[in-house]
Amino acid sequence: MKKNALLIIDPQNSFCNPGDVTGRGRGSLYVEGADKDMARLSDWILKHRMEIEYIAITIDSHQPNDIAHPSFWQDKNGKFPAPFTQITSTDLDSGNWTPRFDFQRCYNYLKALEAQGEYPHLIWPPHCLIGSEGAAIYQPLMDAIVKWTENGKFYTTVTKGTYPFSEHFGAFQAQIPDPNRPETQLNQNLIRTLEMYQNVYLAGEAKSHCVANSLKQVMNEAPSLAEKFIVMEDCMANVTGFETLADPIYDRSKAMGIRFTKSSDKLF
């Protein structure tokens, strides 16, 4: 069995680019501290480039009209919601908010999401638009990954989020998979690939959302793979205001025996 793989969640400009001193170039959904996370991760990759055998990178990828973007919704006056607005199925019942596309599908989605009782449906600033600069891998990290490939290695990108009627936080499947849309269903190929490694280091953005859901999904859907995961605590950060949202997921992972480490620690 091969030893060390690295799974990086959404290390893209929309989340990781702090911009210049004037704020120009700042990611539309910049996660405070993400650039420093990526600096530590880049250094770690270069330090251990001989020991890291495989890197997989998830790429969040959205249409402007996405269920979690403002332009997907309108109020009674035809106005779009502000970022960080929460929308519930009750809002659809009352007409406070109405989806501009396929009302029934959206209503069913919200009801299913609410039944999970974990992540409310929030509107985010438009981010990681397909083909945009925001969707690109944060350049300092990309530089480190390219340097790592010089030893004859290859990285893999895993696209997620292209289906506009469901959030797709986790690496392995959408929040509410659609049985008619394969891109939302469990990514068995990624699971099989990672299962070939003894250790799977986990890093990326954001700790409170996409990293946490990746961890939850692998615990639920592939527990034998989850046992191989090693969470890099100093290579991820929470979305501001959601610092404790994912605590139950991380507490559960610790109880399960999943290992945690920092970039300054020795490899397992």
Foldseek 3Di string as FASTA:
>chain_A
DQAEEEEAEAQFQLAAPQDPPVSPSHRQQHAVCLVVLLVLVLVLCLVCLVRHAAYEYEFEEEACCFQQAQVQKAAPVRGTDDFFDFDALVCVVVRRMAGPPDRVLLSVQRVVLVVVVADTRTRHYDALYPPDRRRDRDVSNVVSVVVSCVVVHDYHYQYANYPRRFDQQERAATSDADPVDVRRHGPVVVVVVLVVHQAYEYAYDAPLTNSLVNLVCCCVPPVVSSQRYEYAVSNHYHRPPRRCSSVVSVVVSVVSPHHYDHSPDDDD
